[in-house]
Amino acid sequence: RALAEDLVQETLLAAWLGRENYAGTARERT
C-alpha cells in the first residue's frame, strides 16, 4: 500500500508537470 500510494503521487505529479505536453491523442485516463 505505501509504495502504491507513493507511485500514484509520483504519477499525478508527473502528469501535472507534463500537462502542457499532453497531446490529447489518447484519453486522459489512458
ModelCIF file with pLDDT and N, C-alpha, C, O atoms, coordinates in Angstrom:
data_MODEL
#
_entry.id   MODEL 
#
_entity.id                         1 
_entity.type                       polymer 
_entity.pdbx_number_of_molecules   1 
#
_entity_poly.entity_id                      1 
_entity_poly.type                           'polypeptide(L)' 
_entity_poly.nstd_linkage                   no 
_entity_poly.nstd_monomer                   no 
_entity_poly.pdbx_seq_one_letter_code       RALAEDLVQETLLAAWLGRENYAGTARERT 
_entity_poly.pdbx_seq_one_letter_code_can   RALAEDLVQETLLAAWLGRENYAGTARERT 
_entity_poly.pdbx_strand_id                 A 
#
loop_
_entity_poly_seq.entity_id 
_entity_poly_seq.num 
_entity_poly_seq.mon_id 
_entity_poly_seq.hetero 
1 1  ARG n 
1 2  ALA n 
1 3  LEU n 
1 4  ALA n 
1 5  GLU n 
1 6  ASP n 
1 7  LEU n 
1 8  VAL n 
1 9  GLN n 
1 10 GLU n 
1 11 THR n 
1 12 LEU n 
1 13 LEU n 
1 14 ALA n 
1 15 ALA n 
1 16 TRP n 
1 17 LEU n 
1 18 GLY n 
1 19 ARG n 
1 20 GLU n 
1 21 ASN n 
1 22 TYR n 
1 23 ALA n 
1 24 GLY n 
1 25 THR n 
1 26 ALA n 
1 27 ARG n 
1 28 GLU n 
1 29 ARG n 
1 30 THR n 
#
_struct_asym.id          A 
_struct_asym.entity_id   1 
#
loop_
_ma_qa_metric.id 
_ma_qa_metric.mode 
_ma_qa_metric.name 
_ma_qa_metric.software_group_id 
_ma_qa_metric.type 
1 global pLDDT . pLDDT 
2 local  pLDDT . pLDDT 
#
_ma_qa_metric_global.metric_id      1 
_ma_qa_metric_global.metric_value   92.50 
_ma_qa_metric_global.model_id       1 
_ma_qa_metric_global.ordinal_id     1 
#
loop_
_ma_qa_metric_local.label_asym_id 
_ma_qa_metric_local.label_comp_id 
_ma_qa_metric_local.label_seq_id 
_ma_qa_metric_local.metric_id 
_ma_qa_metric_local.metric_value 
_ma_qa_metric_local.model_id 
_ma_qa_metric_local.ordinal_id 
A ARG 1  2 97.00 1 1  
A ALA 2  2 96.00 1 2  
A LEU 3  2 96.00 1 3  
A ALA 4  2 96.00 1 4  
A GLU 5  2 97.00 1 5  
A ASP 6  2 96.00 1 6  
A LEU 7  2 97.00 1 7  
A VAL 8  2 97.00 1 8  
A GLN 9  2 96.00 1 9  
A GLU 10 2 96.00 1 10 
A THR 11 2 97.00 1 11 
A LEU 12 2 95.00 1 12 
A LEU 13 2 95.00 1 13 
A ALA 14 2 95.00 1 14 
A ALA 15 2 93.00 1 15 
A TRP 16 2 93.00 1 16 
A LEU 17 2 94.00 1 17 
A GLY 18 2 90.00 1 18 
A ARG 19 2 87.00 1 19 
A GLU 20 2 88.00 1 20 
A ASN 21 2 88.00 1 21 
A TYR 22 2 86.00 1 22 
A ALA 23 2 84.00 1 23 
A GLY 24 2 82.00 1 24 
A THR 25 2 87.00 1 25 
A ALA 26 2 88.00 1 26 
A ARG 27 2 92.00 1 27 
A GLU 28 2 91.00 1 28 
A ARG 29 2 93.00 1 29 
A THR 30 2 93.00 1 30 
#
loop_
_atom_site.group_PDB 
_atom_site.id 
_atom_site.type_symbol 
_atom_site.label_atom_id 
_atom_site.label_alt_id 
_atom_site.label_comp_id 
_atom_site.label_asym_id 
_atom_site.label_entity_id 
_atom_site.label_seq_id 
_atom_site.pdbx_PDB_ins_code 
_atom_site.Cartn_x 
_atom_site.Cartn_y 
_atom_site.Cartn_z 
_atom_site.occupancy 
_atom_site.B_iso_or_equiv 
_atom_site.pdbx_formal_charge 
_atom_site.auth_seq_id 
_atom_site.auth_comp_id 
_atom_site.auth_asym_id 
_atom_site.auth_atom_id 
_atom_site.pdbx_PDB_model_num 
ATOM 1   N N  . ARG A 1 1  ? 0.810  -1.219 0.000   1.00 97.00 ? 1  ARG A N  1 
ATOM 2   C CA . ARG A 1 1  ? 0.000  0.000  0.000   1.00 97.00 ? 1  ARG A CA 1 
ATOM 3   C C  . ARG A 1 1  ? 0.844  1.270  0.000   1.00 97.00 ? 1  ARG A C  1 
ATOM 4   O O  . ARG A 1 1  ? 0.554  2.210  -0.741  1.00 97.00 ? 1  ARG A O  1 
ATOM 5   N N  . ALA A 1 2  ? 1.878  1.301  0.821   1.00 96.00 ? 2  ALA A N  1 
ATOM 6   C CA . ALA A 1 2  ? 2.701  2.505  0.920   1.00 96.00 ? 2  ALA A CA 1 
ATOM 7   C C  . ALA A 1 2  ? 3.374  2.818  -0.409  1.00 96.00 ? 2  ALA A C  1 
ATOM 8   O O  . ALA A 1 2  ? 3.397  3.971  -0.839  1.00 96.00 ? 2  ALA A O  1 
ATOM 9   N N  . LEU A 1 3  ? 3.915  1.803  -1.054  1.00 96.00 ? 3  LEU A N  1 
ATOM 10  C CA . LEU A 1 3  ? 4.577  2.012  -2.333  1.00 96.00 ? 3  LEU A CA 1 
ATOM 11  C C  . LEU A 1 3  ? 3.565  2.382  -3.412  1.00 96.00 ? 3  LEU A C  1 
ATOM 12  O O  . LEU A 1 3  ? 3.853  3.216  -4.271  1.00 96.00 ? 3  LEU A O  1 
ATOM 13  N N  . ALA A 1 4  ? 2.383  1.768  -3.375  1.00 96.00 ? 4  ALA A N  1 
ATOM 14  C CA . ALA A 1 4  ? 1.329  2.109  -4.335  1.00 96.00 ? 4  ALA A CA 1 
ATOM 15  C C  . ALA A 1 4  ? 0.931  3.576  -4.188  1.00 96.00 ? 4  ALA A C  1 
ATOM 16  O O  . ALA A 1 4  ? 0.767  4.281  -5.184  1.00 96.00 ? 4  ALA A O  1 
ATOM 17  N N  . GLU A 1 5  ? 0.777  4.029  -2.954  1.00 97.00 ? 5  GLU A N  1 
ATOM 18  C CA . GLU A 1 5  ? 0.442  5.441  -2.718  1.00 97.00 ? 5  GLU A CA 1 
ATOM 19  C C  . GLU A 1 5  ? 1.537  6.356  -3.247  1.00 97.00 ? 5  GLU A C  1 
ATOM 20  O O  . GLU A 1 5  ? 1.251  7.369  -3.885  1.00 97.00 ? 5  GLU A O  1 
ATOM 21  N N  . ASP A 1 6  ? 2.797  5.998  -2.980  1.00 96.00 ? 6  ASP A N  1 
ATOM 22  C CA . ASP A 1 6  ? 3.919  6.814  -3.451  1.00 96.00 ? 6  ASP A CA 1 
ATOM 23  C C  . ASP A 1 6  ? 3.936  6.911  -4.975  1.00 96.00 ? 6  ASP A C  1 
ATOM 24  O O  . ASP A 1 6  ? 4.124  7.992  -5.534  1.00 96.00 ? 6  ASP A O  1 
ATOM 25  N N  . LEU A 1 7  ? 3.736  5.771  -5.642  1.00 97.00 ? 7  LEU A N  1 
ATOM 26  C CA . LEU A 1 7  ? 3.800  5.787  -7.108  1.00 97.00 ? 7  LEU A CA 1 
ATOM 27  C C  . LEU A 1 7  ? 2.610  6.517  -7.723  1.00 97.00 ? 7  LEU A C  1 
ATOM 28  O O  . LEU A 1 7  ? 2.753  7.138  -8.776  1.00 97.00 ? 7  LEU A O  1 
ATOM 29  N N  . VAL A 1 8  ? 1.453  6.455  -7.095  1.00 97.00 ? 8  VAL A N  1 
ATOM 30  C CA . VAL A 1 8  ? 0.304  7.222  -7.589  1.00 97.00 ? 8  VAL A CA 1 
ATOM 31  C C  . VAL A 1 8  ? 0.579  8.716  -7.416  1.00 97.00 ? 8  VAL A C  1 
ATOM 32  O O  . VAL A 1 8  ? 0.261  9.511  -8.300  1.00 97.00 ? 8  VAL A O  1 
ATOM 33  N N  . GLN A 1 9  ? 1.165  9.097  -6.289  1.00 96.00 ? 9  GLN A N  1 
ATOM 34  C CA . GLN A 1 9  ? 1.514  10.506 -6.097  1.00 96.00 ? 9  GLN A CA 1 
ATOM 35  C C  . GLN A 1 9  ? 2.539  10.961 -7.139  1.00 96.00 ? 9  GLN A C  1 
ATOM 36  O O  . GLN A 1 9  ? 2.429  12.056 -7.691  1.00 96.00 ? 9  GLN A O  1 
ATOM 37  N N  . GLU A 1 10 ? 3.534  10.111 -7.402  1.00 96.00 ? 10 GLU A N  1 
ATOM 38  C CA . GLU A 1 10 ? 4.527  10.444 -8.428  1.00 96.00 ? 10 GLU A CA 1 
ATOM 39  C C  . GLU A 1 10 ? 3.878  10.546 -9.801  1.00 96.00 ? 10 GLU A C  1 
ATOM 40  O O  . GLU A 1 10 ? 4.266  11.386 -10.614 1.00 96.00 ? 10 GLU A O  1 
ATOM 41  N N  . THR A 1 11 ? 2.892  9.693  -10.061 1.00 97.00 ? 11 THR A N  1 
ATOM 42  C CA . THR A 1 11 ? 2.165  9.726  -11.331 1.00 97.00 ? 11 THR A CA 1 
ATOM 43  C C  . THR A 1 11 ? 1.421  11.042 -11.490 1.00 97.00 ? 11 THR A C  1 
ATOM 44  O O  . THR A 1 11 ? 1.494  11.684 -12.539 1.00 97.00 ? 11 THR A O  1 
ATOM 45  N N  . LEU A 1 12 ? 0.705  11.440 -10.445 1.00 95.00 ? 12 LEU A N  1 
ATOM 46  C CA . LEU A 1 12 ? -0.058 12.687 -10.508 1.00 95.00 ? 12 LEU A CA 1 
ATOM 47  C C  . LEU A 1 12 ? 0.869  13.894 -10.649 1.00 95.00 ? 12 LEU A C  1 
ATOM 48  O O  . LEU A 1 12 ? 0.550  14.843 -11.365 1.00 95.00 ? 12 LEU A O  1 
ATOM 49  N N  . LEU A 1 13 ? 2.000  13.860 -9.975  1.00 95.00 ? 13 LEU A N  1 
ATOM 50  C CA . LEU A 1 13 ? 2.968  14.948 -10.099 1.00 95.00 ? 13 LEU A CA 1 
ATOM 51  C C  . LEU A 1 13 ? 3.544  14.999 -11.514 1.00 95.00 ? 13 LEU A C  1 
ATOM 52  O O  . LEU A 1 13 ? 3.668  16.076 -12.098 1.00 95.00 ? 13 LEU A O  1 
ATOM 53  N N  . ALA A 1 14 ? 3.895  13.840 -12.061 1.00 95.00 ? 14 ALA A N  1 
ATOM 54  C CA . ALA A 1 14 ? 4.430  13.801 -13.426 1.00 95.00 ? 14 ALA A CA 1 
ATOM 55  C C  . ALA A 1 14 ? 3.391  14.295 -14.429 1.00 95.00 ? 14 ALA A C  1 
ATOM 56  O O  . ALA A 1 14 ? 3.729  14.997 -15.382 1.00 95.00 ? 14 ALA A O  1 
ATOM 57  N N  . ALA A 1 15 ? 2.134  13.931 -14.218 1.00 93.00 ? 15 ALA A N  1 
ATOM 58  C CA . ALA A 1 15 ? 1.070  14.408 -15.106 1.00 93.00 ? 15 ALA A CA 1 
ATOM 59  C C  . ALA A 1 15 ? 0.925  15.922 -14.997 1.00 93.00 ? 15 ALA A C  1 
ATOM 60  O O  . ALA A 1 15 ? 0.762  16.613 -16.003 1.00 93.00 ? 15 ALA A O  1 
ATOM 61  N N  . TRP A 1 16 ? 0.985  16.429 -13.776 1.00 93.00 ? 16 TRP A N  1 
ATOM 62  C CA . TRP A 1 16 ? 0.890  17.882 -13.564 1.00 93.00 ? 16 TRP A CA 1 
ATOM 63  C C  . TRP A 1 16 ? 2.029  18.591 -14.293 1.00 93.00 ? 16 TRP A C  1 
ATOM 64  O O  . TRP A 1 16 ? 1.804  19.568 -15.008 1.00 93.00 ? 16 TRP A O  1 
ATOM 65  N N  . LEU A 1 17 ? 3.248  18.096 -14.108 1.00 94.00 ? 17 LEU A N  1 
ATOM 66  C CA . LEU A 1 17 ? 4.411  18.734 -14.724 1.00 94.00 ? 17 LEU A CA 1 
ATOM 67  C C  . LEU A 1 17 ? 4.402  18.590 -16.251 1.00 94.00 ? 17 LEU A C  1 
ATOM 68  O O  . LEU A 1 17 ? 4.930  19.449 -16.957 1.00 94.00 ? 17 LEU A O  1 
ATOM 69  N N  . GLY A 1 18 ? 3.808  17.514 -16.757 1.00 90.00 ? 18 GLY A N  1 
ATOM 70  C CA . GLY A 1 18 ? 3.794  17.279 -18.198 1.00 90.00 ? 18 GLY A CA 1 
ATOM 71  C C  . GLY A 1 18 ? 2.490  17.619 -18.886 1.00 90.00 ? 18 GLY A C  1 
ATOM 72  O O  . GLY A 1 18 ? 2.303  17.296 -20.059 1.00 90.00 ? 18 GLY A O  1 
ATOM 73  N N  . ARG A 1 19 ? 1.580  18.272 -18.166 1.00 87.00 ? 19 ARG A N  1 
ATOM 74  C CA . ARG A 1 19 ? 0.246  18.539 -18.723 1.00 87.00 ? 19 ARG A CA 1 
ATOM 75  C C  . ARG A 1 19 ? 0.280  19.395 -19.983 1.00 87.00 ? 19 ARG A C  1 
ATOM 76  O O  . ARG A 1 19 ? -0.592 19.267 -20.843 1.00 87.00 ? 19 ARG A O  1 
ATOM 77  N N  . GLU A 1 20 ? 1.268  20.256 -20.099 1.00 88.00 ? 20 GLU A N  1 
ATOM 78  C CA . GLU A 1 20 ? 1.366  21.106 -21.297 1.00 88.00 ? 20 GLU A CA 1 
ATOM 79  C C  . GLU A 1 20 ? 1.763  20.288 -22.523 1.00 88.00 ? 20 GLU A C  1 
ATOM 80  O O  . GLU A 1 20 ? 1.479  20.682 -23.655 1.00 88.00 ? 20 GLU A O  1 
ATOM 81  N N  . ASN A 1 21 ? 2.419  19.149 -22.298 1.00 88.00 ? 21 ASN A N  1 
ATOM 82  C CA . ASN A 1 21 ? 2.860  18.296 -23.412 1.00 88.00 ? 21 ASN A CA 1 
ATOM 83  C C  . ASN A 1 21 ? 1.848  17.220 -23.770 1.00 88.00 ? 21 ASN A C  1 
ATOM 84  O O  . ASN A 1 21 ? 2.049  16.481 -24.735 1.00 88.00 ? 21 ASN A O  1 
ATOM 85  N N  . TYR A 1 22 ? 0.766  17.120 -23.011 1.00 86.00 ? 22 TYR A N  1 
ATOM 86  C CA . TYR A 1 22 ? -0.264 16.123 -23.302 1.00 86.00 ? 22 TYR A CA 1 
ATOM 87  C C  . TYR A 1 22 ? -0.938 16.495 -24.614 1.00 86.00 ? 22 TYR A C  1 
ATOM 88  O O  . TYR A 1 22 ? -1.593 17.531 -24.726 1.00 86.00 ? 22 TYR A O  1 
ATOM 89  N N  . ALA A 1 23 ? -0.763 15.630 -25.600 1.00 84.00 ? 23 ALA A N  1 
ATOM 90  C CA . ALA A 1 23 ? -1.252 15.930 -26.946 1.00 84.00 ? 23 ALA A CA 1 
ATOM 91  C C  . ALA A 1 23 ? -2.750 15.705 -27.096 1.00 84.00 ? 23 ALA A C  1 
ATOM 92  O O  . ALA A 1 23 ? -3.366 16.250 -28.011 1.00 84.00 ? 23 ALA A O  1 
ATOM 93  N N  . GLY A 1 24 ? -3.336 14.921 -26.224 1.00 82.00 ? 24 GLY A N  1 
ATOM 94  C CA . GLY A 1 24 ? -4.763 14.659 -26.326 1.00 82.00 ? 24 GLY A CA 1 
ATOM 95  C C  . GLY A 1 24 ? -5.117 13.595 -27.337 1.00 82.00 ? 24 GLY A C  1 
ATOM 96  O O  . GLY A 1 24 ? -6.292 13.429 -27.666 1.00 82.00 ? 24 GLY A O  1 
ATOM 97  N N  . THR A 1 25 ? -4.128 12.863 -27.843 1.00 87.00 ? 25 THR A N  1 
ATOM 98  C CA . THR A 1 25 ? -4.416 11.812 -28.823 1.00 87.00 ? 25 THR A CA 1 
ATOM 99  C C  . THR A 1 25 ? -4.981 10.559 -28.164 1.00 87.00 ? 25 THR A C  1 
ATOM 100 O O  . THR A 1 25 ? -5.635 9.752  -28.824 1.00 87.00 ? 25 THR A O  1 
ATOM 101 N N  . ALA A 1 26 ? -4.736 10.396 -26.886 1.00 88.00 ? 26 ALA A N  1 
ATOM 102 C CA . ALA A 1 26 ? -5.315 9.299  -26.104 1.00 88.00 ? 26 ALA A CA 1 
ATOM 103 C C  . ALA A 1 26 ? -6.222 9.911  -25.045 1.00 88.00 ? 26 ALA A C  1 
ATOM 104 O O  . ALA A 1 26 ? -6.099 11.089 -24.707 1.00 88.00 ? 26 ALA A O  1 
ATOM 105 N N  . ARG A 1 27 ? -7.128 9.100  -24.531 1.00 92.00 ? 27 ARG A N  1 
ATOM 106 C CA . ARG A 1 27 ? -7.964 9.598  -23.444 1.00 92.00 ? 27 ARG A CA 1 
ATOM 107 C C  . ARG A 1 27 ? -7.082 9.947  -22.258 1.00 92.00 ? 27 ARG A C  1 
ATOM 108 O O  . ARG A 1 27 ? -6.026 9.346  -22.063 1.00 92.00 ? 27 ARG A O  1 
ATOM 109 N N  . GLU A 1 28 ? -7.506 10.897 -21.484 1.00 91.00 ? 28 GLU A N  1 
ATOM 110 C CA . GLU A 1 28 ? -6.734 11.339 -20.332 1.00 91.00 ? 28 GLU A CA 1 
ATOM 111 C C  . GLU A 1 28 ? -6.465 10.176 -19.363 1.00 91.00 ? 28 GLU A C  1 
ATOM 112 O O  . GLU A 1 28 ? -5.373 10.069 -18.804 1.00 91.00 ? 28 GLU A O  1 
ATOM 113 N N  . ARG A 1 29 ? -7.446 9.326  -19.173 1.00 93.00 ? 29 ARG A N  1 
ATOM 114 C CA . ARG A 1 29 ? -7.285 8.155  -18.307 1.00 93.00 ? 29 ARG A CA 1 
ATOM 115 C C  . ARG A 1 29 ? -6.170 7.247  -18.825 1.00 93.00 ? 29 ARG A C  1 
ATOM 116 O O  . ARG A 1 29 ? -5.353 6.756  -18.045 1.00 93.00 ? 29 ARG A O  1 
ATOM 117 N N  . THR A 1 30 ? -6.138 7.028  -20.111 1.00 93.00 ? 30 THR A N  1 
ATOM 118 C CA . THR A 1 30 ? -5.099 6.201  -20.732 1.00 93.00 ? 30 THR A CA 1 
ATOM 119 C C  . THR A 1 30 ? -3.733 6.830  -20.524 1.00 93.00 ? 30 THR A C  1 
ATOM 120 O O  . THR A 1 30 ? -2.726 6.282  -20.974 1.00 93.00 ? 30 THR A O  1 
#
